Structure formats: structure tokens, C-alpha cells
Amino acid sequence: MRHGPFPLALGFWSLASTEVVPNTERLVSLISEQFLTITGNVTALADPKLHRYRLASAAAARHAALVTRRYARERRAEEPEDLRLEELDPSFCEAAPQFLQIKNESRNMDEFDFVNDCCEPTKFDSLGNEQCFPEWPSWPVRICCAHHLSQGPSKSSYFAGFWRTLAWSIFESTQSIDEPPIAFESHVKSIMAYHKSGVSLSTELVGNVAPGPLTRFLLKNPEETVMVPHDFQVTKFGNHNSLRGGRPVISPFFQSFTRTFSDTKTSDMIIHFSNPLKSEAPQFQHFLSEGAGQVLHLVRRPSDMILSGYRYHRQDLSAGEEWLKFRNPPDCLSCDHEAWFEIFQLCGFRCSYNELLQNVTARQGLQAEYLRSRWDIVKMLENAQAWQSLDHVLQVPMESFHHDFNGTLRCIARFFFDQKPDQIPEQQFSADLERFLEESQGMSPEVLQSCREALLRGEHCTGPRSEDEKSFQYRATTHVASTVERSHLRAELRRTPGWRHFILLADAAFEALLLSSRTRELFGCPT
């Protein structure tokens, strides 16, 4: 990524005269835009302290970024190893080990390791350890974790190392291994999706406030019990505690979310969750894959996730996705810490993600979206690899909905009811299935694409009778790109550094995993 100025003037001014202010009072967290949005304290957004601490924190981030680039230049020049480098102001990050020591009184802090104890993504995802950073969301999580994950003579990019290991394991073991089937609980049915990989579609199918067509089809008497997110008690598998007690959530949803609908007469339930988090403690998706229920795993080609994300995130959306507008600190949703660092260096850590995408070239913006998406992509590929031989996990690529929408829904229905294609369905099942298909037609990507193209031609389009016309057209225009636009963006994506370093290999890994996943064939999914 080029670390130059924006091609369009945004009004960002130089940070050269801004001093790095120690975060001793921890006010950066308490008056951040995220914190105020979560707590509903919207009036406090106008507080002058918010602006002052944003500038101070941006200066700290810029300071660390300059150290990063200077270290890279000096390392390339093979400077002496004992060369003293300017370090990130320790006062900005010193609170983290102090908080950790308070929580672990018997711990010897001489053995403290910032990355392992506070930041390691496989333990704490993109949130950081709440024992180190209790006032999440905050600048220190991003600045300190990014700095410690990628700096020092003995350290290279954490993400690059993680991705090399995962990619190697995927291509070394793409063949399904014959293992004894796992016994599973059939009354728990779940859908798991990732940002820009089926979240919107699965939300429409499952239902948001009220049960959707899939929920009505799977449950006889669905009753809304929405919990976003919450703790689960799973039979035989114990408790599932959401990271940070649900604090990642911002209405309508942010980072991860979970919603459930349960049957009033049976123990059947459908669970919908997005952006599963990595954690040292087992997460709910692990309980399900180990036998607590069935999992519909929605996956997508990585390059398509990036293209869709870039187009969607650069729009001036009127509702939802509050994280796109945050500047204190700037946010890139569930991106890894190093990616956050590299993305917002472009604007001196003083812009929102939406502002950044609107004021860089398409190629720069696609590179930024690759960085933003890559952590979700590797989690998706890692889960796809772990579950490729499980009969109670159905992995469906988003392309399948584009090529044969009804055929894909039929396959999903057969999977949840354990009904093979050669079995004759009961009459009631057939009638309920046809009603489910009819109620779902407004969610078809082909129908939305047709509406999008009609609107571009200046023609009129309407959705299903049950949906408001403006709402349907809004979904068609915000979530669907025209054929010409998609072709142009894909050509630009191939010219980004991310294409050579990650995307091409990630697409190949995605294809390899789909070919070795047997459950789609078992239940007659379209190929």
C-alpha cells in the first residue's frame, strides 16, 4: 500500500506539532465514539475532550507507524544490531501489564509477554485481552497490539506467519479423511456466516426481529427470543461465554452477533451467528461442530468477499454499520491489528474507514479492503478445513445461491431434516418446503441483480408483495454491483499487492477445500 497523501483533500492537518499524550487517565476509551455509541450517550459526542484525545491518540498511532517504517528501512540497510531505535512511548501501553497483574496477583510480571498475554489473535481475536484492556473499545488495543505484533529484531508479521502455516496445511491435506461419524444433537440447527459472506442473506432467511421463512419452515411454533449476543447452555457441552460479555455489539450488530429462535412445544431451536471469534476458550461454533447441533457454514471466494466489501463500505449508507464512520479510534470491523495499522496510516489515523475509501483510488481502496477482510478470510478457511469431513456440517458457497437459488435452498432443507435426495419426502414436508421457497424469492441474488440492472436502465422494478418497494430497491442497489462495475473492480484487484501476496493463494485454498467437502454431494446441493 502506498503511504502517500489522499488524492482528494479531506481537511486532515499535519500531526507534526501534536505531542504524544500519555493515556494515564484512560479517557481515550471512556469517551471514544464506540464507547459512547454502545452506551447510547450520543450527546457526549460533541464533548471537546473527545476531539482533543482523538488527536493525542492519533499522534501516538502515527508515532508508532513512523517507528515501524524507520525500522524497516534500517533493517533493509543492514544497520548494526545494537542501533538504538526510538520506541513507542511506553506510557501509552504501560497500563496493560498493570491491569493484568491486578487480575493475576500471583503472576510474576518479569515473565510478562505483551503479545502472548494481551494481543495474540488466536487467543483474543481482534479485541485484545480484556484483562489488559478493560475499557474496550480503545486506541491502546490497536496501537499497542499492532506495534508489539510486528516490531523488534526477532519478530516479523504475525499475520504472515499464521497465514503461511494455514495455507501449507490446507494444500497438504485437502483430501477428506474417512473417520467415524460424530453423533450430534438434531434439535439445534445453526447458520454461521462472515462479514460479506452471507450475513445479509442468512439474516433475511432466519429473521431479524421476527422469524424469517427458514425459521418458520424449521420450527413448528417459533417464538422470538433474540439475544445479541449472550451466554448459551448447551446440553453435554457446557456454557458458551461470548467474548467481552457481549460488548462488541453495536446496534444493529457489530463484530460478532448471535440470535436464536426456539420452538414453543419442543426443544428445537435455530441459532444464527456471524463473524465467529477466535478464542483460547471454545466458542459456540466448536460446540456445534463437535456434536451439539447441525451447522450450515456459508462461505465465499475470498476475492469476491473483498470486491463486495470495497463496494459496500465506500457507500454513504443511511443506516447500520456504524463502525464505518468511527474516527476515535478509526475502525475496520474485525480486522487484525497489523491491518488496522497499515490501513489508517494513509490518513495519519484521523479518518474513518468510509472516508478513506471515498478518497483514495479504486486500487488503493481494494488494497485497504483486502487488509480489512483478511482475518475473517483466514478464519473462514480454517473452519472450512476443520469441518470438511463432518456429515453434520454443510458448507455452502455463496456462488451456489447465484447459480441455483431454489436448488440450494432445497439442499439446505434436506440437510437440516436429514433427508437424502433419493428419499421420497412426506407430503407435509413437500408442502412446507414449497411455501418456504415461495417466501424466500425476494432474497434471490438473481432477482436482486435483475432489479439492479433494471434501475440502471431507468426502468421500474418491484420485489415480492410482502416487501416494501423502497426497501427492496435499497437492498438491490446497496448490496449488488452491476456487471460492468464488478468486472472493472476485479481487474483493479488483480493489480494490488494483496492479489500477489494473499488473494490468489486464498482463492486456490477455497477451491481445494470445497472440492474435498463431501456433505454438499450427500444432500444433493448444486455443483
Protein backbone atom coordinates (compact mmCIF):
# COMPACT_ATOMS: atom_id res chain seq x y z
CA MET A 1 0.00 0.00 0.00
CA ARG A 2 1.26 3.46 -0.84
CA HIS A 3 1.60 5.61 2.27
CA GLY A 4 1.07 8.91 0.49
CA PRO A 5 -1.49 11.70 0.90
CA PHE A 6 -5.06 11.40 -0.24
CA PRO A 7 -5.65 12.35 -3.89
CA LEU A 8 -8.61 14.44 -2.65
CA ALA A 9 -8.33 16.98 0.13
CA LEU A 10 -10.08 15.83 3.30
CA GLY A 11 -9.01 18.63 5.57
CA PHE A 12 -6.64 16.43 7.60
CA TRP A 13 -3.85 18.56 9.00
CA SER A 14 -0.30 17.69 9.94
CA LEU A 15 0.33 15.89 13.19
CA ALA A 16 3.91 17.07 13.42
CA SER A 17 3.15 19.54 16.18
CA THR A 18 0.92 17.20 18.19
CA GLU A 19 2.63 15.64 21.19
CA VAL A 20 2.00 12.08 22.31
CA VAL A 21 -0.04 12.43 25.48
CA PRO A 22 0.29 9.58 28.00
CA ASN A 23 -3.00 7.76 28.43
CA THR A 24 -2.73 7.68 32.21
CA GLU A 25 -6.37 8.58 32.88
CA ARG A 26 -7.69 6.08 30.31
CA LEU A 27 -10.09 8.70 28.99
CA VAL A 28 -9.42 7.70 25.41
CA SER A 29 -11.56 4.61 25.93
CA LEU A 30 -14.26 6.21 28.01
CA ILE A 31 -15.02 9.00 25.54
CA SER A 32 -14.37 7.10 22.32
CA GLU A 33 -17.08 7.10 19.69
CA GLN A 34 -17.51 3.33 20.06
CA PHE A 35 -17.98 3.53 23.83
CA LEU A 36 -20.46 6.37 23.59
CA THR A 37 -22.41 4.61 20.83
CA ILE A 38 -22.62 1.37 22.82
CA THR A 39 -23.82 3.22 25.93
CA GLY A 40 -26.23 5.36 23.93
CA ASN A 41 -24.61 8.59 25.15
CA VAL A 42 -24.86 10.33 21.78
CA THR A 43 -24.86 13.87 23.20
CA ALA A 44 -21.35 13.33 24.59
CA LEU A 45 -20.01 13.02 21.04
CA ALA A 46 -19.81 16.82 20.96
CA ASP A 47 -17.56 16.93 24.06
CA PRO A 48 -14.35 18.92 23.29
CA LYS A 49 -12.37 16.26 25.16
CA LEU A 50 -13.36 13.72 22.52
CA HIS A 51 -11.63 15.77 19.83
CA ARG A 52 -8.59 16.51 22.00
CA TYR A 53 -7.98 12.90 22.95
CA ARG A 54 -8.60 11.74 19.41
CA LEU A 55 -5.78 13.96 18.23
CA ALA A 56 -3.48 12.78 21.00
CA SER A 57 -4.21 9.13 20.27
CA ALA A 58 -3.80 9.64 16.53
CA ALA A 59 -0.42 11.16 17.27
CA ALA A 60 0.56 8.09 19.28
CA ALA A 61 -0.50 5.82 16.42
CA ARG A 62 1.38 7.93 13.88
CA HIS A 63 4.44 7.90 16.11
CA ALA A 64 4.40 4.09 16.20
CA ALA A 65 3.87 3.99 12.43
CA LEU A 66 6.93 6.15 11.85
CA VAL A 67 8.96 3.83 14.07
CA THR A 68 7.68 0.89 12.02
CA ARG A 69 8.76 2.37 8.69
CA ARG A 70 12.08 3.60 10.07
CA TYR A 71 12.86 0.15 11.47
CA ALA A 72 12.05 -1.45 8.09
CA ARG A 73 14.34 0.97 6.24
CA GLU A 74 17.16 0.46 8.72
CA ARG A 75 16.81 -3.31 8.60
CA ARG A 76 17.00 -3.30 4.82
CA ALA A 77 20.13 -1.21 5.03
CA GLU A 78 21.57 -3.84 7.41
CA GLU A 79 22.35 -1.37 10.17
CA PRO A 80 24.23 -2.68 13.22
CA GLU A 81 22.02 -4.78 15.51
CA ASP A 82 22.80 -2.60 18.52
CA LEU A 83 21.43 0.52 16.79
CA ARG A 84 19.14 2.25 19.26
CA LEU A 85 15.69 2.87 17.80
CA GLU A 86 13.09 5.25 19.07
CA GLU A 87 10.36 3.19 20.71
CA LEU A 88 6.64 3.75 21.09
CA ASP A 89 6.03 5.97 24.11
CA PRO A 90 5.78 3.29 26.84
CA SER A 91 3.38 5.37 28.91
CA PHE A 92 0.72 4.75 26.27
CA CYS A 93 0.86 0.97 26.72
CA GLU A 94 2.12 0.59 30.27
CA ALA A 95 -1.37 0.28 31.76
CA ALA A 96 -1.94 -3.12 30.11
CA PRO A 97 0.52 -5.19 32.19
CA GLN A 98 -0.59 -3.31 35.31
CA PHE A 99 -4.22 -4.32 34.72
CA LEU A 100 -3.13 -7.89 34.03
CA GLN A 101 -1.15 -8.03 37.27
CA ILE A 102 -4.15 -6.81 39.25
CA LYS A 103 -6.20 -9.69 37.81
CA ASN A 104 -3.41 -12.21 38.38
CA GLU A 105 -1.82 -11.29 41.69
CA SER A 106 0.35 -14.41 41.83
CA ARG A 107 1.74 -13.83 38.35
CA ASN A 108 5.40 -12.88 38.04
CA MET A 109 5.41 -9.85 35.77
CA ASP A 110 9.06 -10.42 34.91
CA GLU A 111 7.73 -13.13 32.60
CA PHE A 112 5.17 -10.82 31.00
CA ASP A 113 4.99 -11.04 27.19
CA PHE A 114 2.85 -8.33 25.60
CA VAL A 115 1.85 -10.32 22.51
CA ASN A 116 1.13 -13.61 24.25
CA ASP A 117 -0.62 -12.09 27.29
CA CYS A 118 -2.52 -9.22 25.70
CA CYS A 119 -2.77 -9.42 21.93
CA GLU A 120 -2.33 -12.83 20.33
CA PRO A 121 -5.16 -13.07 17.74
CA THR A 122 -5.67 -16.82 18.19
CA LYS A 123 -6.47 -16.15 21.85
CA PHE A 124 -8.25 -12.80 21.76
CA ASP A 125 -9.19 -12.25 18.09
CA SER A 126 -9.14 -8.53 17.24
CA LEU A 127 -10.41 -7.45 20.66
CA GLY A 128 -7.31 -7.88 22.80
CA ASN A 129 -7.31 -9.46 26.25
CA GLU A 130 -9.90 -7.71 28.40
CA GLN A 131 -7.62 -8.19 31.41
CA CYS A 132 -5.08 -5.95 29.67
CA PHE A 133 -7.58 -3.58 28.06
CA PRO A 134 -10.67 -3.46 30.27
CA GLU A 135 -12.04 -0.29 28.66
CA TRP A 136 -12.53 -1.75 25.20
CA PRO A 137 -13.06 -0.33 22.66
CA SER A 138 -9.94 1.84 22.82
CA TRP A 139 -6.94 3.11 20.95
CA PRO A 140 -4.37 1.23 23.08
CA VAL A 141 -5.71 -2.16 21.92
CA ARG A 142 -4.94 -1.29 18.31
CA ILE A 143 -1.80 0.81 18.75
CA CYS A 144 -0.05 -1.36 21.31
CA CYS A 145 -1.04 -4.72 19.83
CA ALA A 146 -0.12 -3.72 16.28
CA HIS A 147 3.19 -2.36 17.49
CA HIS A 148 4.14 -5.43 19.50
CA LEU A 149 2.88 -7.94 16.91
CA SER A 150 5.09 -6.60 14.13
CA GLN A 151 8.14 -4.93 15.70
CA GLY A 152 11.54 -5.94 17.03
CA PRO A 153 14.62 -7.70 15.68
CA SER A 154 13.19 -11.18 16.27
CA LYS A 155 9.64 -10.51 15.11
CA SER A 156 8.05 -10.42 11.68
CA SER A 157 4.41 -10.00 10.73
CA TYR A 158 2.26 -12.22 12.95
CA PHE A 159 -0.42 -12.47 10.28
CA ALA A 160 2.04 -13.52 7.56
CA GLY A 161 3.34 -16.35 9.72
CA PHE A 162 -0.16 -17.51 10.66
CA TRP A 163 -1.28 -17.49 7.01
CA ARG A 164 1.76 -19.43 5.78
CA THR A 165 1.08 -22.18 8.32
CA LEU A 166 -2.63 -22.38 7.47
CA ALA A 167 -2.11 -22.33 3.68
CA TRP A 168 0.51 -25.08 3.93
CA SER A 169 -1.81 -27.28 5.99
CA ILE A 170 -4.73 -26.75 3.58
CA PHE A 171 -2.79 -27.83 0.48
CA GLU A 172 -1.15 -30.71 2.33
CA SER A 173 -4.47 -32.23 3.50
CA THR A 174 -7.25 -31.37 1.05
CA GLN A 175 -8.45 -34.95 0.75
CA SER A 176 -11.29 -35.97 3.04
CA ILE A 177 -10.26 -38.45 5.68
CA ASP A 178 -12.57 -41.37 6.38
CA GLU A 179 -13.41 -41.04 10.05
CA PRO A 180 -16.25 -42.47 12.15
CA PRO A 181 -19.27 -40.14 12.02
CA ILE A 182 -19.84 -37.91 15.02
CA ALA A 183 -23.12 -38.30 16.91
CA PHE A 184 -24.92 -34.96 17.03
CA GLU A 185 -27.99 -33.34 18.53
CA SER A 186 -30.51 -32.77 15.71
CA HIS A 187 -32.73 -30.32 17.59
CA VAL A 188 -30.14 -27.49 17.36
CA LYS A 189 -29.86 -26.08 13.85
CA SER A 190 -27.45 -23.23 13.18
CA ILE A 191 -26.21 -20.93 10.42
CA MET A 192 -22.76 -19.37 10.55
CA ALA A 193 -21.70 -16.56 8.22
CA TYR A 194 -18.94 -13.97 7.90
CA HIS A 195 -18.98 -10.29 7.01
CA LYS A 196 -19.64 -10.11 3.25
CA SER A 197 -20.15 -13.87 3.13
CA GLY A 198 -23.83 -14.43 3.61
CA VAL A 199 -24.68 -12.36 6.69
CA SER A 200 -27.39 -10.32 4.91
CA LEU A 201 -28.90 -13.32 3.12
CA SER A 202 -28.91 -15.54 6.21
CA THR A 203 -30.39 -12.70 8.30
CA GLU A 204 -33.28 -12.44 5.85
CA LEU A 205 -33.78 -16.21 5.85
CA VAL A 206 -33.60 -16.66 9.62
CA GLY A 207 -35.32 -13.39 10.52
CA ASN A 208 -34.18 -10.33 12.39
CA VAL A 209 -36.89 -9.13 14.78
CA ALA A 210 -39.50 -11.66 13.68
CA PRO A 211 -38.92 -15.22 12.44
CA GLY A 212 -37.99 -15.43 8.74
CA PRO A 213 -39.04 -18.06 6.18
CA LEU A 214 -36.31 -20.57 7.12
CA THR A 215 -37.15 -20.30 10.82
CA ARG A 216 -40.86 -20.77 10.12
CA PHE A 217 -40.01 -23.80 8.00
CA LEU A 218 -37.69 -25.44 10.55
CA LEU A 219 -39.71 -24.71 13.69
CA LYS A 220 -43.36 -25.59 14.11
CA ASN A 221 -44.27 -22.81 16.52
CA PRO A 222 -41.42 -20.27 16.51
CA GLU A 223 -41.35 -17.72 19.26
CA GLU A 224 -38.91 -14.81 19.12
CA THR A 225 -36.15 -14.93 21.72
CA VAL A 226 -33.49 -12.56 20.38
CA MET A 227 -30.29 -12.31 22.43
CA VAL A 228 -27.40 -10.32 20.96
CA PRO A 229 -25.08 -11.85 21.99
CA HIS A 230 -25.50 -13.91 25.15
CA ASP A 231 -24.35 -16.97 27.05
CA PHE A 232 -25.57 -20.40 25.96
CA GLN A 233 -26.16 -23.53 27.99
CA VAL A 234 -25.56 -26.41 25.57
CA THR A 235 -26.55 -29.94 26.53
CA LYS A 236 -23.45 -32.05 27.23
CA PHE A 237 -21.15 -29.22 26.15
CA GLY A 238 -21.37 -26.68 28.98
CA ASN A 239 -21.52 -22.92 28.76
CA HIS A 240 -20.60 -20.68 25.88
CA ASN A 241 -19.49 -17.24 27.07
CA SER A 242 -19.29 -14.55 24.42
CA LEU A 243 -16.01 -12.66 24.40
CA ARG A 244 -16.13 -9.48 26.45
CA GLY A 245 -19.62 -10.23 27.71
CA GLY A 246 -21.26 -9.01 24.53
CA ARG A 247 -19.56 -5.62 24.40
CA PRO A 248 -18.55 -5.99 20.74
CA VAL A 249 -22.18 -5.37 19.80
CA ILE A 250 -23.38 -2.05 18.45
CA SER A 251 -26.95 -1.84 17.15
CA PRO A 252 -27.97 -3.44 14.89
CA PHE A 253 -24.85 -5.60 15.06
CA PHE A 254 -21.10 -5.22 15.10
CA GLN A 255 -18.25 -7.73 15.19
CA SER A 256 -19.99 -10.93 16.23
CA PHE A 257 -23.68 -11.38 16.96
CA THR A 258 -25.93 -14.29 17.83
CA ARG A 259 -29.72 -14.57 17.63
CA THR A 260 -31.90 -17.54 18.43
CA PHE A 261 -35.47 -18.64 17.77
CA SER A 262 -36.91 -21.57 19.72
CA ASP A 263 -39.90 -23.86 19.35
CA THR A 264 -42.61 -23.41 21.98
CA LYS A 265 -43.52 -27.13 22.07
CA THR A 266 -40.21 -28.90 21.51
CA SER A 267 -36.56 -28.31 22.32
CA ASP A 268 -35.81 -27.39 18.69
CA MET A 269 -34.02 -24.12 18.09
CA ILE A 270 -32.32 -22.29 15.25
CA ILE A 271 -29.23 -20.23 16.01
CA HIS A 272 -27.79 -17.62 13.68
CA PHE A 273 -24.35 -16.21 14.36
CA SER A 274 -21.94 -14.01 12.45
CA ASN A 275 -18.18 -13.44 12.41
CA PRO A 276 -17.23 -16.24 14.81
CA LEU A 277 -14.41 -15.14 17.08
CA LYS A 278 -11.15 -16.92 17.80
CA SER A 279 -10.52 -17.50 21.48
CA GLU A 280 -8.43 -19.65 23.80
CA ALA A 281 -11.77 -20.79 25.26
CA PRO A 282 -14.05 -22.90 23.00
CA GLN A 283 -16.59 -20.84 21.11
CA PHE A 284 -20.11 -21.88 20.25
CA GLN A 285 -19.21 -22.97 16.72
CA HIS A 286 -16.83 -25.52 18.24
CA PHE A 287 -19.58 -26.99 20.43
CA LEU A 288 -21.81 -27.35 17.39
CA SER A 289 -19.16 -28.92 15.19
CA GLU A 290 -18.32 -31.39 17.97
CA GLY A 291 -21.88 -32.64 18.05
CA ALA A 292 -24.09 -30.10 19.81
CA GLY A 293 -26.01 -29.42 16.60
CA GLN A 294 -26.02 -29.08 12.82
CA VAL A 295 -24.13 -26.23 11.14
CA LEU A 296 -24.84 -24.55 7.81
CA HIS A 297 -21.49 -22.90 7.08
CA LEU A 298 -21.81 -20.12 4.50
CA VAL A 299 -18.51 -19.49 2.73
CA ARG A 300 -17.40 -17.32 -0.17
CA ARG A 301 -14.49 -16.98 -2.55
CA PRO A 302 -12.04 -14.59 -0.83
CA SER A 303 -11.64 -12.31 -3.86
CA ASP A 304 -15.43 -11.92 -4.06
CA MET A 305 -15.60 -11.05 -0.35
CA ILE A 306 -13.06 -8.27 -0.92
CA LEU A 307 -14.79 -6.89 -4.01
CA SER A 308 -18.17 -6.90 -2.28
CA GLY A 309 -16.73 -5.32 0.86
CA TYR A 310 -15.00 -2.50 -1.01
CA ARG A 311 -18.07 -1.52 -2.97
CA TYR A 312 -20.40 -1.75 0.04
CA HIS A 313 -18.17 0.04 2.56
CA ARG A 314 -17.42 3.06 0.38
CA GLN A 315 -21.11 3.92 0.02
CA ASP A 316 -22.69 6.63 2.13
CA LEU A 317 -25.07 4.28 3.90
CA SER A 318 -28.03 5.81 5.69
CA ALA A 319 -28.39 3.09 8.35
CA GLY A 320 -26.42 0.40 10.14
CA GLU A 321 -22.68 -0.31 10.01
CA GLU A 322 -21.84 2.48 12.49
CA TRP A 323 -18.23 1.34 12.60
CA LEU A 324 -17.69 2.76 9.11
CA LYS A 325 -17.93 6.32 10.48
CA PHE A 326 -15.80 5.94 13.63
CA ARG A 327 -12.67 8.09 13.87
CA ASN A 328 -11.96 7.80 17.60
CA PRO A 329 -10.43 5.32 17.17
CA PRO A 330 -10.90 4.54 13.47
CA ASP A 331 -12.28 1.08 12.93
CA CYS A 332 -12.16 -1.67 10.30
CA LEU A 333 -14.55 -4.10 12.00
CA SER A 334 -12.93 -7.48 12.76
CA CYS A 335 -9.62 -6.73 11.03
CA ASP A 336 -6.35 -7.86 12.59
CA HIS A 337 -4.25 -5.29 14.47
CA GLU A 338 -1.48 -5.08 11.88
CA ALA A 339 -4.03 -4.48 9.12
CA TRP A 340 -5.64 -1.67 11.15
CA PHE A 341 -2.22 -0.08 11.48
CA GLU A 342 -1.44 -0.25 7.77
CA ILE A 343 -4.89 0.92 6.64
CA PHE A 344 -5.10 4.08 8.72
CA GLN A 345 -1.52 5.17 8.17
CA LEU A 346 -2.87 6.59 4.91
CA CYS A 347 -4.67 9.39 6.77
CA GLY A 348 -2.48 9.76 9.83
CA PHE A 349 -5.07 7.83 11.88
CA ARG A 350 -7.54 10.72 11.60
CA CYS A 351 -10.17 9.40 9.19
CA SER A 352 -12.93 6.83 9.28
CA TYR A 353 -12.82 3.75 7.05
CA ASN A 354 -15.65 5.12 4.92
CA GLU A 355 -13.82 8.44 4.47
CA LEU A 356 -10.67 6.61 3.48
CA LEU A 357 -12.38 4.51 0.78
CA GLN A 358 -14.11 7.57 -0.65
CA ASN A 359 -10.86 9.49 -1.02
CA VAL A 360 -8.37 7.00 -2.45
CA THR A 361 -8.15 5.36 -5.86
CA ALA A 362 -10.05 2.12 -6.51
CA ARG A 363 -6.77 0.18 -6.40
CA GLN A 364 -5.77 1.70 -3.06
CA GLY A 365 -9.26 1.12 -1.69
CA LEU A 366 -9.26 -2.52 -2.77
CA GLN A 367 -5.89 -2.99 -1.10
CA ALA A 368 -7.33 -1.49 2.08
CA GLU A 369 -10.35 -3.81 1.86
CA TYR A 370 -8.06 -6.81 1.38
CA LEU A 371 -6.28 -5.84 4.60
CA ARG A 372 -9.61 -5.33 6.38
CA SER A 373 -11.02 -8.68 5.21
CA ARG A 374 -8.04 -10.98 5.56
CA TRP A 375 -8.58 -12.01 9.20
CA ASP A 376 -12.20 -13.02 8.50
CA ILE A 377 -10.99 -14.90 5.41
CA VAL A 378 -8.40 -16.97 7.25
CA LYS A 379 -10.92 -17.80 9.99
CA MET A 380 -13.39 -18.91 7.33
CA LEU A 381 -10.78 -21.09 5.60
CA GLU A 382 -9.58 -22.51 8.91
CA ASN A 383 -13.12 -23.54 9.89
CA ALA A 384 -13.81 -24.91 6.40
CA GLN A 385 -10.72 -27.09 6.68
CA ALA A 386 -11.57 -28.33 10.18
CA TRP A 387 -15.13 -29.28 9.18
CA GLN A 388 -14.67 -30.61 5.65
CA SER A 389 -15.29 -34.27 6.60
CA LEU A 390 -18.18 -33.74 9.05
CA ASP A 391 -21.61 -35.00 7.97
CA HIS A 392 -23.40 -32.60 10.32
CA VAL A 393 -21.72 -29.51 8.78
CA LEU A 394 -22.94 -28.36 5.36
CA GLN A 395 -20.58 -25.90 3.67
CA VAL A 396 -22.36 -23.86 1.02
CA PRO A 397 -20.54 -21.31 -1.16
CA MET A 398 -22.40 -18.08 -1.87
CA GLU A 399 -21.97 -18.77 -5.60
CA SER A 400 -24.42 -21.64 -5.21
CA PHE A 401 -27.23 -19.18 -4.41
CA HIS A 402 -26.40 -17.23 -7.59
CA HIS A 403 -26.34 -20.28 -9.87
CA ASP A 404 -29.36 -22.18 -8.49
CA PHE A 405 -31.16 -20.39 -5.65
CA ASN A 406 -34.06 -22.81 -5.24
CA GLY A 407 -31.82 -25.87 -5.66
CA THR A 408 -29.55 -24.60 -2.91
CA LEU A 409 -32.46 -23.95 -0.54
CA ARG A 410 -33.80 -27.46 -1.22
CA CYS A 411 -30.41 -28.92 -0.36
CA ILE A 412 -30.30 -26.91 2.89
CA ALA A 413 -33.79 -28.17 3.79
CA ARG A 414 -32.79 -31.79 3.14
CA PHE A 415 -29.66 -31.33 5.26
CA PHE A 416 -31.49 -29.96 8.30
CA PHE A 417 -34.12 -32.72 8.11
CA ASP A 418 -31.53 -35.41 7.21
CA GLN A 419 -33.42 -36.32 4.03
CA LYS A 420 -31.29 -37.67 1.16
CA PRO A 421 -32.22 -36.74 -2.46
CA ASP A 422 -33.33 -40.31 -3.30
CA GLN A 423 -35.79 -40.45 -0.40
CA ILE A 424 -39.45 -39.69 -1.08
CA PRO A 425 -40.45 -36.73 1.14
CA GLU A 426 -43.63 -36.79 3.14
CA GLN A 427 -46.50 -34.77 1.65
CA GLN A 428 -46.47 -32.28 4.53
CA PHE A 429 -42.71 -31.77 4.14
CA SER A 430 -43.14 -31.07 0.42
CA ALA A 431 -45.92 -28.56 1.04
CA ASP A 432 -43.92 -26.75 3.74
CA LEU A 433 -40.83 -26.74 1.53
CA GLU A 434 -42.65 -25.15 -1.41
CA ARG A 435 -44.06 -22.47 0.89
CA PHE A 436 -40.53 -21.82 2.21
CA LEU A 437 -39.21 -21.43 -1.34
CA GLU A 438 -42.02 -19.07 -2.30
CA GLU A 439 -41.47 -16.87 0.76
CA SER A 440 -37.72 -16.66 0.04
CA GLN A 441 -37.80 -15.50 -3.60
CA GLY A 442 -37.18 -11.84 -2.75
CA MET A 443 -33.77 -12.83 -1.33
CA SER A 444 -32.57 -14.46 -4.55
CA PRO A 445 -29.33 -12.83 -5.80
CA GLU A 446 -30.61 -13.28 -9.36
CA VAL A 447 -33.80 -11.36 -8.56
CA LEU A 448 -31.83 -8.58 -6.85
CA GLN A 449 -29.36 -8.44 -9.76
CA SER A 450 -32.21 -8.15 -12.23
CA CYS A 451 -33.69 -5.27 -10.24
CA ARG A 452 -30.29 -3.55 -10.07
CA GLU A 453 -29.82 -3.77 -13.83
CA ALA A 454 -33.38 -2.53 -14.46
CA LEU A 455 -32.83 0.53 -12.26
CA LEU A 456 -29.59 1.32 -14.12
CA ARG A 457 -31.56 1.30 -17.37
CA GLY A 458 -34.06 3.73 -15.84
CA GLU A 459 -36.75 1.09 -15.63
CA HIS A 460 -39.01 0.16 -12.72
CA CYS A 461 -38.64 -2.92 -10.52
CA THR A 462 -40.58 -4.32 -7.61
CA GLY A 463 -39.91 -7.07 -5.12
CA PRO A 464 -42.19 -9.64 -3.53
CA ARG A 465 -45.63 -8.48 -2.49
CA SER A 466 -44.67 -8.87 1.16
CA GLU A 467 -41.81 -6.35 0.95
CA ASP A 468 -41.93 -2.59 0.67
CA GLU A 469 -40.81 -1.43 -2.78
CA LYS A 470 -38.29 1.13 -1.50
CA SER A 471 -36.79 -1.40 0.89
CA PHE A 472 -36.34 -3.94 -1.89
CA GLN A 473 -34.75 -1.40 -4.22
CA TYR A 474 -32.42 -0.24 -1.42
CA ARG A 475 -31.18 -3.81 -0.97
CA ALA A 476 -30.71 -4.20 -4.72
CA THR A 477 -28.68 -1.02 -5.10
CA THR A 478 -26.56 -1.25 -1.94
CA HIS A 479 -25.77 -4.99 -1.95
CA VAL A 480 -25.48 -5.74 -5.67
CA ALA A 481 -22.92 -4.37 -8.15
CA SER A 482 -23.58 -4.05 -11.87
CA THR A 483 -21.81 -6.47 -14.20
CA VAL A 484 -19.64 -3.68 -15.65
CA GLU A 485 -18.64 -2.36 -12.21
CA ARG A 486 -17.78 -5.83 -10.95
CA SER A 487 -15.58 -6.52 -13.99
CA HIS A 488 -13.72 -3.22 -13.56
CA LEU A 489 -13.10 -3.76 -9.86
CA ARG A 490 -11.83 -7.30 -10.37
CA ALA A 491 -9.30 -6.01 -12.91
CA GLU A 492 -8.13 -3.42 -10.37
CA LEU A 493 -7.95 -6.03 -7.59
CA ARG A 494 -5.52 -8.10 -9.66
CA ARG A 495 -3.15 -5.12 -9.71
CA THR A 496 -2.96 -4.74 -5.93
CA PRO A 497 -0.08 -6.09 -3.81
CA GLY A 498 -2.65 -8.11 -1.88
CA TRP A 499 -3.51 -10.12 -5.01
CA ARG A 500 0.04 -11.41 -5.35
CA HIS A 501 0.73 -11.84 -1.64
CA PHE A 502 -2.53 -13.38 -0.43
CA ILE A 503 -5.71 -13.32 -2.52
CA LEU A 504 -4.63 -15.62 -5.37
CA LEU A 505 -3.50 -18.31 -2.94
CA ALA A 506 -6.56 -17.83 -0.71
CA ASP A 507 -8.87 -18.38 -3.71
CA ALA A 508 -6.99 -21.57 -4.57
CA ALA A 509 -7.28 -22.79 -0.97
CA PHE A 510 -11.01 -22.06 -1.04
CA GLU A 511 -11.45 -24.17 -4.19
CA ALA A 512 -9.41 -27.03 -2.74
CA LEU A 513 -11.50 -27.10 0.45
CA LEU A 514 -14.82 -27.08 -1.43
CA LEU A 515 -13.74 -29.98 -3.64
CA SER A 516 -12.86 -32.08 -0.60
CA SER A 517 -16.07 -31.33 1.36
CA ARG A 518 -18.45 -34.26 0.89
CA THR A 519 -21.67 -33.13 2.61
CA ARG A 520 -22.94 -30.99 -0.29
CA GLU A 521 -22.91 -34.02 -2.58
CA LEU A 522 -24.51 -36.17 0.12
CA PHE A 523 -27.59 -33.91 0.25
CA GLY A 524 -27.74 -33.03 -3.44
CA CYS A 525 -26.51 -29.44 -3.44
CA PRO A 526 -25.99 -27.87 -6.89
CA THR A 527 -22.41 -28.19 -8.12
